Every structure is written in C-alpha cells, then in structure tokens.
C-alpha atoms as a PDB file:
ATOM      1  CA  MET A   1      97.467 104.451 103.379  1.00  0.00           C
ATOM      2  CA  HIS A   2      97.872 101.631 105.923  1.00  0.00           C
ATOM      3  CA  GLY A   3      94.936  99.248 106.328  1.00  0.00           C
ATOM      4  CA  LEU A   4      92.808 100.599 103.512  1.00  0.00           C
ATOM      5  CA  ALA A   5      91.876  97.840 101.159  1.00  0.00           C
ATOM      6  CA  CYS A   6      91.180  99.665  97.926  1.00  0.00           C
ATOM      7  CA  ARG A   7      92.144 102.944  96.298  1.00  0.00           C
ATOM      8  CA  LEU A   8      90.514 104.054  93.059  1.00  0.00           C
ATOM      9  CA  GLY A   9      91.401 106.694  90.509  1.00  0.00           C
ATOM     10  CA  LYS A  10      94.770 107.895  91.769  1.00  0.00           C
ATOM     11  CA  ALA A  11      95.803 111.375  90.765  1.00  0.00           C
ATOM     12  CA  VAL A  12      98.873 113.459  91.486  1.00  0.00           C
ATOM     13  CA  PHE A  13      98.552 117.157  92.199  1.00  0.00           C
ATOM     14  CA  SER A  14     101.011 119.909  92.972  1.00  0.00           C
ATOM     15  CA  THR A  15      99.991 122.302  95.728  1.00  0.00           C
ATOM     16  CA  ARG A  16     100.574 126.024  95.631  1.00  0.00           C
ATOM     17  CA  LYS A  17     102.961 127.466  98.173  1.00  0.00           C
ATOM     18  CA  LEU A  18     101.046 129.093 101.000  1.00  0.00           C
ATOM     19  CA  SER A  19     102.087 132.283 102.703  1.00  0.00           C
ATOM     20  CA  PRO A  20     100.882 133.835 105.971  1.00  0.00           C
ATOM     21  CA  ASN A  21      99.823 136.909 103.997  1.00  0.00           C
ATOM     22  CA  VAL A  22      97.332 134.798 102.056  1.00  0.00           C
ATOM     23  CA  LEU A  23      96.182 132.759 105.022  1.00  0.00           C
ATOM     24  CA  LEU A  24      95.660 135.780 107.226  1.00  0.00           C
ATOM     25  CA  GLY A  25      94.413 138.167 104.575  1.00  0.00           C
ATOM     26  CA  GLN A  26      91.435 140.462 104.791  1.00  0.00           C
ATOM     27  CA  ARG A  27      88.896 137.760 103.869  1.00  0.00           C
ATOM     28  CA  HIS A  28      88.286 135.483 106.832  1.00  0.00           C
ATOM     29  CA  LEU A  29      85.912 132.674 107.593  1.00  0.00           C
ATOM     30  CA  SER A  30      83.305 133.329 110.239  1.00  0.00           C
ATOM     31  CA  SER A  31      84.612 132.930 113.784  1.00  0.00           C
ATOM     32  CA  SER A  32      81.187 132.090 115.205  1.00  0.00           C
ATOM     33  CA  SER A  33      82.160 128.429 115.586  1.00  0.00           C
ATOM     34  CA  PHE A  34      85.425 129.065 117.414  1.00  0.00           C
ATOM     35  CA  VAL A  35      85.844 126.449 120.133  1.00  0.00           C
ATOM     36  CA  LEU A  36      87.787 127.036 123.318  1.00  0.00           C
ATOM     37  CA  GLN A  37      90.427 124.522 124.243  1.00  0.00           C
ATOM     38  CA  SER A  38      88.341 123.288 127.208  1.00  0.00           C
ATOM     39  CA  GLU A  39      86.125 121.445 124.727  1.00  0.00           C
ATOM     40  CA  VAL A  40      89.077 119.384 123.471  1.00  0.00           C
ATOM     41  CA  SER A  41      90.234 117.496 126.532  1.00  0.00           C
ATOM     42  CA  SER A  42      92.689 115.088 124.916  1.00  0.00           C
ATOM     43  CA  VAL A  43      94.363 114.182 121.641  1.00  0.00           C
ATOM     44  CA  LYS A  44      95.057 110.689 120.353  1.00  0.00           C
ATOM     45  CA  LEU A  45      98.250 110.264 118.362  1.00  0.00           C
ATOM     46  CA  TYR A  46      99.105 107.411 116.005  1.00  0.00           C
ATOM     47  CA  GLN A  47     101.130 106.673 112.891  1.00  0.00           C
ATOM     48  CA  THR A  48     100.476 104.725 109.723  1.00  0.00           C
ATOM     49  CA  ASN A  49     103.184 103.748 107.249  1.00  0.00           C
ATOM     50  CA  ASP A  50     103.744 107.273 105.958  1.00  0.00           C
ATOM     51  CA  SER A  51     101.538 109.624 107.982  1.00  0.00           C
ATOM     52  CA  LEU A  52     101.162 111.177 111.408  1.00  0.00           C
ATOM     53  CA  HIS A  53      97.610 111.366 112.786  1.00  0.00           C
ATOM     54  CA  PHE A  54      96.010 113.467 115.528  1.00  0.00           C
ATOM     55  CA  SER A  55      92.459 112.809 116.720  1.00  0.00           C
ATOM     56  CA  LEU A  56      90.737 115.482 118.824  1.00  0.00           C
ATOM     57  CA  CYS A  57      88.610 114.190 121.714  1.00  0.00           C
ATOM     58  CA  CYS A  58      86.362 115.933 124.229  1.00  0.00           C
ATOM     59  CA  SER A  59      85.469 115.053 127.809  1.00  0.00           C
ATOM     60  CA  ASN A  60      81.683 115.064 127.460  1.00  0.00           C
ATOM     61  CA  SER A  61      81.380 112.176 125.012  1.00  0.00           C
ATOM     62  CA  ASP A  62      82.595 108.620 124.674  1.00  0.00           C
ATOM     63  CA  SER A  63      84.874 108.710 121.645  1.00  0.00           C
ATOM     64  CA  SER A  64      84.793 104.897 121.393  1.00  0.00           C
ATOM     65  CA  SER A  65      81.079 104.832 120.530  1.00  0.00           C
ATOM     66  CA  GLU A  66      79.194 106.141 117.514  1.00  0.00           C
ATOM     67  CA  THR A  67      75.871 107.962 117.822  1.00  0.00           C
ATOM     68  CA  PRO A  68      73.701 109.493 115.078  1.00  0.00           C
ATOM     69  CA  ASP A  69      74.238 112.962 116.568  1.00  0.00           C
ATOM     70  CA  ARG A  70      78.034 112.876 116.353  1.00  0.00           C
ATOM     71  CA  PRO A  71      80.009 113.377 113.139  1.00  0.00           C
ATOM     72  CA  TYR A  72      80.786 110.071 111.440  1.00  0.00           C
ATOM     73  CA  ILE A  73      84.288 110.249 110.056  1.00  0.00           C
ATOM     74  CA  LEU A  74      86.132 107.379 108.391  1.00  0.00           C
ATOM     75  CA  THR A  75      89.824 107.336 109.349  1.00  0.00           C
ATOM     76  CA  PRO A  76      92.632 104.727 109.377  1.00  0.00           C
ATOM     77  CA  SER A  77      91.804 104.062 113.049  1.00  0.00           C
ATOM     78  CA  LYS A  78      88.577 102.417 111.815  1.00  0.00           C
ATOM     79  CA  SER A  79      90.341 100.270 109.218  1.00  0.00           C
ATOM     80  CA  LEU A  80      91.626  96.701 109.299  1.00  0.00           C
ATOM     81  CA  PRO A  81      94.121  95.669 110.407  1.00  0.00           C
ATOM     82  CA  PRO A  82      93.724  98.069 113.325  1.00  0.00           C
ATOM     83  CA  VAL A  83      96.290 100.713 114.155  1.00  0.00           C
ATOM     84  CA  GLU A  84      98.945  98.934 116.183  1.00  0.00           C
ATOM     85  CA  GLU A  85      99.796 101.698 118.626  1.00  0.00           C
ATOM     86  CA  MET A  86      97.727 104.698 119.659  1.00  0.00           C
ATOM     87  CA  ASN A  87      99.074 107.124 122.250  1.00  0.00           C
ATOM     88  CA  GLU A  88      97.586 110.066 124.077  1.00  0.00           C
ATOM     89  CA  LEU A  89      99.261 113.389 123.464  1.00  0.00           C
ATOM     90  CA  ILE A  90      99.668 115.438 126.613  1.00  0.00           C
ATOM     91  CA  ILE A  91      98.267 118.938 126.177  1.00  0.00           C
ATOM     92  CA  THR A  92     100.790 121.242 127.829  1.00  0.00           C
ATOM     93  CA  GLN A  93     100.128 124.514 129.617  1.00  0.00           C
ATOM     94  CA  GLN A  94     100.942 126.298 126.356  1.00  0.00           C
ATOM     95  CA  GLY A  95      97.726 124.900 124.903  1.00  0.00           C
ATOM     96  CA  LEU A  96      96.387 122.665 122.162  1.00  0.00           C
ATOM     97  CA  VAL A  97      98.063 124.395 119.217  1.00  0.00           C
ATOM     98  CA  ASP A  98     101.535 124.426 120.765  1.00  0.00           C
ATOM     99  CA  SER A  99     101.206 120.822 121.954  1.00  0.00           C
ATOM    100  CA  ILE A 100     100.327 119.461 118.510  1.00  0.00           C
ATOM    101  CA  ALA A 101     102.825 121.716 116.700  1.00  0.00           C
ATOM    102  CA  SER A 102     105.601 120.576 119.051  1.00  0.00           C
ATOM    103  CA  SER A 103     104.706 116.943 118.455  1.00  0.00           C
ATOM    104  CA  ILE A 104     104.881 117.480 114.692  1.00  0.00           C
ATOM    105  CA  GLU A 105     108.249 119.180 115.061  1.00  0.00           C
ATOM    106  CA  SER A 106     109.574 116.242 117.096  1.00  0.00           C
ATOM    107  CA  HIS A 107     108.327 113.786 114.472  1.00  0.00           C
ATOM    108  CA  TYR A 108     110.122 115.586 111.643  1.00  0.00           C
ATOM    109  CA  ALA A 109     113.278 116.453 113.557  1.00  0.00           C
ATOM    110  CA  ILE A 110     116.157 114.836 111.644  1.00  0.00           C
ATOM    111  CA  GLU A 111     119.694 115.602 112.676  1.00  0.00           C
ATOM    112  CA  ASN A 112     122.552 115.275 110.206  1.00  0.00           C
ATOM    113  CA  SER A 113     126.128 116.369 109.972  1.00  0.00           C
ATOM    114  CA  LYS A 114     125.188 119.632 108.267  1.00  0.00           C
ATOM    115  CA  GLY A 115     122.551 120.631 110.806  1.00  0.00           C
ATOM    116  CA  GLN A 116     118.841 120.184 111.098  1.00  0.00           C
ATOM    117  CA  PHE A 117     116.696 119.284 108.135  1.00  0.00           C
ATOM    118  CA  VAL A 118     113.817 121.764 107.905  1.00  0.00           C
ATOM    119  CA  GLY A 119     111.532 120.191 105.320  1.00  0.00           C
ATOM    120  CA  GLY A 120     109.177 117.270 105.052  1.00  0.00           C
ATOM    121  CA  MET A 121     110.139 113.783 103.971  1.00  0.00           C
ATOM    122  CA  GLY A 122     109.702 114.263 100.248  1.00  0.00           C
ATOM    123  CA  GLU A 123     107.319 112.399  97.964  1.00  0.00           C
ATOM    124  CA  SER A 124     107.020 109.484 100.419  1.00  0.00           C
ATOM    125  CA  ASP A 125     105.703 111.772 103.140  1.00  0.00           C
ATOM    126  CA  GLY A 126     101.994 111.181 103.802  1.00  0.00           C
ATOM    127  CA  GLY A 127     101.985 114.281 105.940  1.00  0.00           C
ATOM    128  CA  VAL A 128     100.013 115.236 109.017  1.00  0.00           C
ATOM    129  CA  TRP A 129      96.322 114.375 109.339  1.00  0.00           C
ATOM    130  CA  ILE A 130      93.825 115.711 111.871  1.00  0.00           C
ATOM    131  CA  SER A 131      90.424 114.210 112.712  1.00  0.00           C
ATOM    132  CA  SER A 132      87.783 114.594 115.403  1.00  0.00           C
ATOM    133  CA  GLU A 133      86.204 112.140 117.809  1.00  0.00           C
ATOM    134  CA  ALA A 134      84.599 115.048 119.658  1.00  0.00           C
ATOM    135  CA  SER A 135      81.017 116.287 119.409  1.00  0.00           C
ATOM    136  CA  PHE A 136      81.823 118.459 116.403  1.00  0.00           C
ATOM    137  CA  ASP A 137      83.354 117.858 112.992  1.00  0.00           C
ATOM    138  CA  THR A 138      87.091 118.382 112.553  1.00  0.00           C
ATOM    139  CA  LEU A 139      86.560 121.575 110.562  1.00  0.00           C
ATOM    140  CA  HIS A 140      84.668 123.077 113.491  1.00  0.00           C
ATOM    141  CA  TYR A 141      88.208 123.548 114.890  1.00  0.00           C
ATOM    142  CA  TRP A 142      89.528 125.166 111.714  1.00  0.00           C
ATOM    143  CA  GLU A 143      91.129 128.079 113.554  1.00  0.00           C
ATOM    144  CA  HIS A 144      93.173 125.730 115.720  1.00  0.00           C
ATOM    145  CA  ILE A 145      94.201 123.774 112.623  1.00  0.00           C
ATOM    146  CA  ARG A 146      95.180 126.960 110.789  1.00  0.00           C
ATOM    147  CA  ASP A 147      97.322 128.080 113.739  1.00  0.00           C
ATOM    148  CA  ILE A 148      98.996 124.670 114.013  1.00  0.00           C
ATOM    149  CA  ILE A 149      99.940 124.787 110.334  1.00  0.00           C
ATOM    150  CA  LEU A 150     101.226 128.351 110.577  1.00  0.00           C
ATOM    151  CA  GLN A 151     103.343 127.504 113.616  1.00  0.00           C
ATOM    152  CA  VAL A 152     104.874 124.426 111.981  1.00  0.00           C
ATOM    153  CA  LYS A 153     105.620 126.350 108.772  1.00  0.00           C
ATOM    154  CA  GLN A 154     107.681 128.861 110.728  1.00  0.00           C
ATOM    155  CA  ASN A 155     110.399 126.203 110.971  1.00  0.00           C
ATOM    156  CA  ARG A 156     109.537 123.554 108.387  1.00  0.00           C
ATOM    157  CA  HIS A 157     108.332 123.644 104.816  1.00  0.00           C
ATOM    158  CA  GLY A 158     106.874 121.082 102.459  1.00  0.00           C
ATOM    159  CA  ILE A 159     104.869 119.126 105.032  1.00  0.00           C
ATOM    160  CA  PRO A 160     101.406 118.325 103.644  1.00  0.00           C
ATOM    161  CA  PHE A 161      98.471 118.775 106.022  1.00  0.00           C
ATOM    162  CA  GLY A 162      95.147 116.993 105.673  1.00  0.00           C
ATOM    163  CA  VAL A 163      91.849 116.759 107.510  1.00  0.00           C
ATOM    164  CA  TYR A 164      89.342 113.928 107.832  1.00  0.00           C
ATOM    165  CA  THR A 165      85.828 115.386 107.830  1.00  0.00           C
ATOM    166  CA  SER A 166      82.218 114.256 107.827  1.00  0.00           C
ATOM    167  CA  GLY A 167      81.404 117.088 105.435  1.00  0.00           C
ATOM    168  CA  ILE A 168      78.692 118.260 107.831  1.00  0.00           C
ATOM    169  CA  ILE A 169      79.699 121.745 108.920  1.00  0.00           C
ATOM    170  CA  GLU A 170      77.992 124.932 110.038  1.00  0.00           C
ATOM    171  CA  ASP A 171      79.634 127.277 107.534  1.00  0.00           C
ATOM    172  CA  MET A 172      79.818 125.951 103.972  1.00  0.00           C
ATOM    173  CA  GLU A 173      82.197 128.800 103.092  1.00  0.00           C
ATOM    174  CA  ILE A 174      84.906 126.694 104.717  1.00  0.00           C
ATOM    175  CA  ALA A 175      84.675 124.315 101.751  1.00  0.00           C
ATOM    176  CA  THR A 176      85.918 127.082  99.451  1.00  0.00           C
ATOM    177  CA  GLN A 177      88.774 128.223 101.710  1.00  0.00           C
ATOM    178  CA  LEU A 178      90.506 124.965 102.648  1.00  0.00           C
ATOM    179  CA  GLU A 179      93.864 126.007 101.184  1.00  0.00           C
ATOM    180  CA  GLU A 180      93.799 129.785 101.182  1.00  0.00           C
ATOM    181  CA  GLU A 181      92.465 130.349 104.695  1.00  0.00           C
ATOM    182  CA  ILE A 182      93.374 127.189 106.594  1.00  0.00           C
ATOM    183  CA  GLY A 183      96.486 126.015 104.707  1.00  0.00           C
ATOM    184  CA  LEU A 184      95.399 122.432 103.970  1.00  0.00           C
ATOM    185  CA  SER A 185      96.949 120.374 101.183  1.00  0.00           C
ATOM    186  CA  THR A 186      94.331 117.625 101.085  1.00  0.00           C
ATOM    187  CA  ILE A 187      91.086 116.463 102.655  1.00  0.00           C
ATOM    188  CA  GLN A 188      89.143 113.220 103.005  1.00  0.00           C
ATOM    189  CA  VAL A 189      85.338 113.480 103.169  1.00  0.00           C
ATOM    190  CA  SER A 190      83.180 110.605 104.464  1.00  0.00           C
ATOM    191  CA  LEU A 191      80.483 110.183 101.804  1.00  0.00           C
ATOM    192  CA  ILE A 192      80.005 106.572 103.024  1.00  0.00           C
ATOM    193  CA  SER A 193      77.411 105.436 100.459  1.00  0.00           C
ATOM    194  CA  SER A 194      75.645 106.331  97.225  1.00  0.00           C
ATOM    195  CA  ASN A 195      72.271 107.218  98.733  1.00  0.00           C
ATOM    196  CA  PRO A 196      70.636 108.399 101.983  1.00  0.00           C
ATOM    197  CA  GLU A 197      69.374 104.904 102.821  1.00  0.00           C
ATOM    198  CA  GLY A 198      72.848 103.380 102.688  1.00  0.00           C
ATOM    199  CA  TYR A 199      74.283 106.381 104.508  1.00  0.00           C
ATOM    200  CA  ALA A 200      71.699 105.933 107.280  1.00  0.00           C
ATOM    201  CA  ALA A 201      72.388 102.216 107.564  1.00  0.00           C
ATOM    202  CA  VAL A 202      76.133 102.631 108.065  1.00  0.00           C
ATOM    203  CA  ARG A 203      75.766 105.538 110.483  1.00  0.00           C
ATOM    204  CA  GLY A 204      72.921 103.927 112.417  1.00  0.00           C
ATOM    205  CA  ILE A 205      70.422 106.727 111.748  1.00  0.00           C
ATOM    206  CA  ASN A 206      66.781 105.676 112.128  1.00  0.00           C
ATOM    207  CA  ASP A 207      65.354 109.018 111.002  1.00  0.00           C
ATOM    208  CA  LEU A 208      65.442 108.959 107.190  1.00  0.00           C
ATOM    209  CA  THR A 209      64.690 112.681 106.997  1.00  0.00           C
ATOM    210  CA  LYS A 210      67.805 113.430 109.036  1.00  0.00           C
ATOM    211  CA  ALA A 211      69.810 111.009 106.892  1.00  0.00           C
ATOM    212  CA  GLN A 212      68.625 112.774 103.729  1.00  0.00           C
ATOM    213  CA  GLN A 213      69.596 116.167 105.149  1.00  0.00           C
ATOM    214  CA  ASP A 214      73.021 114.995 106.304  1.00  0.00           C
ATOM    215  CA  PHE A 215      73.751 113.087 103.102  1.00  0.00           C
ATOM    216  CA  GLY A 216      72.750 116.102 101.014  1.00  0.00           C
ATOM    217  CA  GLN A 217      75.053 118.342 103.025  1.00  0.00           C
ATOM    218  CA  VAL A 218      77.986 115.942 102.543  1.00  0.00           C
ATOM    219  CA  CYS A 219      77.381 115.865  98.779  1.00  0.00           C
ATOM    220  CA  ASN A 220      77.179 119.653  98.722  1.00  0.00           C
ATOM    221  CA  PHE A 221      80.446 119.959 100.648  1.00  0.00           C
ATOM    222  CA  ILE A 222      82.289 117.670  98.219  1.00  0.00           C
ATOM    223  CA  ALA A 223      80.940 119.470  95.149  1.00  0.00           C
ATOM    224  CA  THR A 224      81.647 122.925  96.583  1.00  0.00           C
ATOM    225  CA  ALA A 225      85.230 122.077  97.563  1.00  0.00           C
ATOM    226  CA  ALA A 226      85.903 120.384  94.220  1.00  0.00           C
ATOM    227  CA  GLU A 227      84.486 123.319  92.260  1.00  0.00           C
ATOM    228  CA  SER A 228      86.831 125.646  94.147  1.00  0.00           C
ATOM    229  CA  GLY A 229      89.749 123.691  92.659  1.00  0.00           C
ATOM    230  CA  PHE A 230      90.738 121.835  95.825  1.00  0.00           C
ATOM    231  CA  PRO A 231      91.692 118.137  95.397  1.00  0.00           C
ATOM    232  CA  VAL A 232      89.065 116.189  97.351  1.00  0.00           C
ATOM    233  CA  THR A 233      89.444 112.555  98.393  1.00  0.00           C
ATOM    234  CA  VAL A 234      86.246 110.743  99.356  1.00  0.00           C
ATOM    235  CA  ALA A 235      85.856 107.797 101.737  1.00  0.00           C
ATOM    236  CA  VAL A 236      83.111 105.212 101.244  1.00  0.00           C
ATOM    237  CA  ALA A 237      82.108 102.041 103.065  1.00  0.00           C
ATOM    238  CA  GLY A 238      82.784  98.615 101.601  1.00  0.00           C
ATOM    239  CA  GLY A 239      80.509  95.886 100.310  1.00  0.00           C
ATOM    240  CA  LYS A 240      77.367  97.056  98.539  1.00  0.00           C
ATOM    241  CA  HIS A 241      78.273 100.692  99.235  1.00  0.00           C
ATOM    242  CA  ALA A 242      81.648 100.677  97.460  1.00  0.00           C
ATOM    243  CA  SER A 243      80.783 100.751  93.756  1.00  0.00           C
ATOM    244  CA  GLY A 244      77.886 103.202  93.841  1.00  0.00           C
ATOM    245  CA  GLY A 245      79.575 105.396  96.427  1.00  0.00           C
ATOM    246  CA  SER A 246      82.724 105.584  94.327  1.00  0.00           C
ATOM    247  CA  GLU A 247      80.765 106.507  91.199  1.00  0.00           C
ATOM    248  CA  LEU A 248      78.875 109.254  93.033  1.00  0.00           C
ATOM    249  CA  ALA A 249      82.114 110.593  94.539  1.00  0.00           C
ATOM    250  CA  LYS A 250      83.639 110.934  91.052  1.00  0.00           C
ATOM    251  CA  ALA A 251      80.490 112.608  89.760  1.00  0.00           C
ATOM    252  CA  LEU A 252      80.690 115.149  92.589  1.00  0.00           C
ATOM    253  CA  GLY A 253      84.274 115.997  91.618  1.00  0.00           C
ATOM    254  CA  ALA A 254      86.450 113.797  93.851  1.00  0.00           C
ATOM    255  CA  VAL A 255      89.941 113.076  92.524  1.00  0.00           C
ATOM    256  CA  ASP A 256      90.402 109.965  94.636  1.00  0.00           C
ATOM    257  CA  VAL A 257      88.229 107.418  96.453  1.00  0.00           C
ATOM    258  CA  ILE A 258      89.189 105.243  99.389  1.00  0.00           C
ATOM    259  CA  VAL A 259      87.062 102.216 100.237  1.00  0.00           C
ATOM    260  CA  TYR A 260      86.949 100.985 103.832  1.00  0.00           C
ATOM    261  CA  ASP A 261      86.192  97.327 103.185  1.00  0.00           C
ATOM    262  CA  ASN A 262      85.522  96.475 106.819  1.00  0.00           C
ATOM    263  CA  ILE A 263      82.842  99.179 107.200  1.00  0.00           C
ATOM    264  CA  GLY A 264      79.234  98.581 106.130  1.00  0.00           C
ATOM    265  CA  THR A 265      79.652  94.926 105.196  1.00  0.00           C
END
C-alpha cells in the first residue's frame, strides 16, 4: 500500500463468493444507525498504487482537523509521502450510492476488442476502500456501503472491497457480519497503540477514562471480527507504538499489521 513504511505478518486469504441472497437474507443488522445522505455532504476520491479510495465527509465538521470526539482512522491519506492527488467526487441527483458506484465502474471500465471486461484487475488489484472523515465511523454508513457493493457486483465481479474503521461502533454485531451482510473482503482497524495511554496520546484525548473505554472497544471489535473468521488487518502508529501495538494486534487475531511510521513519533 502506497506510503506505508512497514507491513508485518503477510497472509494470503481466499474470499468466499458473495450472493445477494446471503447479503439480503432474513438476518439483518440493526437499522437504527441508518444515516440519510444529507449527513454526507461530499466525498474525497484518491488513488494509491493499486487501490481506489473514497472518504466520506460531512458539512458540520472540519475534516482536516482531528478532535477526540471524532473517529480516528488511519488511512493512506495520513501517510508519508502524502497522496499526490485528491479529488472531490460530485454527488449526483441519483444520490451517494449511485455516485460512488458509477465512479467505481468508470475506474474499472476497460475496453478491448472482444468487448468490455467485467471483472477486477486480478491479483494486483488492491480494490476499493471506503473511509470516513465525518462525525461517525465508516461502518455507521454500512447500509450505503452494502448497497454500493451490490450495485457494482451487478456488472462486475472479483473486485475486493475494504473499509477503514476506528473500531468504535454502536452495534458490535456489525463485526460479525462484515462479509455476509455488508459484502466486504477486508478491513483495516485503527488500534494505534498497545495500551490506553499510548492510544490517548496519539488521538489527543486528555480524559484517560474515555481513552480506556475507546481502546477497549477497539480491541473488542478486532477480537470479535477475527473470531468470526474474517481476515482483519490492524493499523498502528509508528515509533514507540509500533512493536507493542503489532504484538497486541496479533494476539487479538489480526492477520496483518500496518505501521504508519509518521504517526505518533
């Protein structure tokens, strides 16, 4: 992944083929956190070497600043060297889901003499990643993400979808339904450090009690998702946070750890 200085414990997994019947079966996640499109006012779009990234933004917060009350999510946009080009995706009258799905379709549209290619880009394809710079974690918008994936899969197959998350969510059941209900292939959770004190320092949280609660919830999310059989990648800060954070991530069940060397040093 572009700009990330260290990757530990690589593992290769095959993902099960998803079908709409599974994704839209009788067992559903709670819809209490469903967010109307008005809360997502814009979408940032950028590419790394092998991936396409969408970052959800809302109008009532400054996405360029970090506050203890907003989800802290490590993404390639926070890495060094910085992302060279970041564009704003225009949300059309058809809505957020159609706008992002259409952008994905345009990205993967490859014309050849035999017609249009309808798959991903093979093993070199880093897939599509979605993150949030809004007031809520990325998985707060899980219904939008599910619908985007379903719409793309109507025309294209084999494209992996991933989400960057803080691991702090309202409904922990989501952690057990990442593939079956949403259709994700992978996820990156921001553990950040090996303890609440380090977590608080990187996030800028002065209230240690809050840091302990948040850090505990992130650990619980990672363990719950890993125990469900989903391949979890964990992101940690660099410097003094890297070694201990990586060890804790593995102990919680992560299959991969990414260290952001320019964060927390």
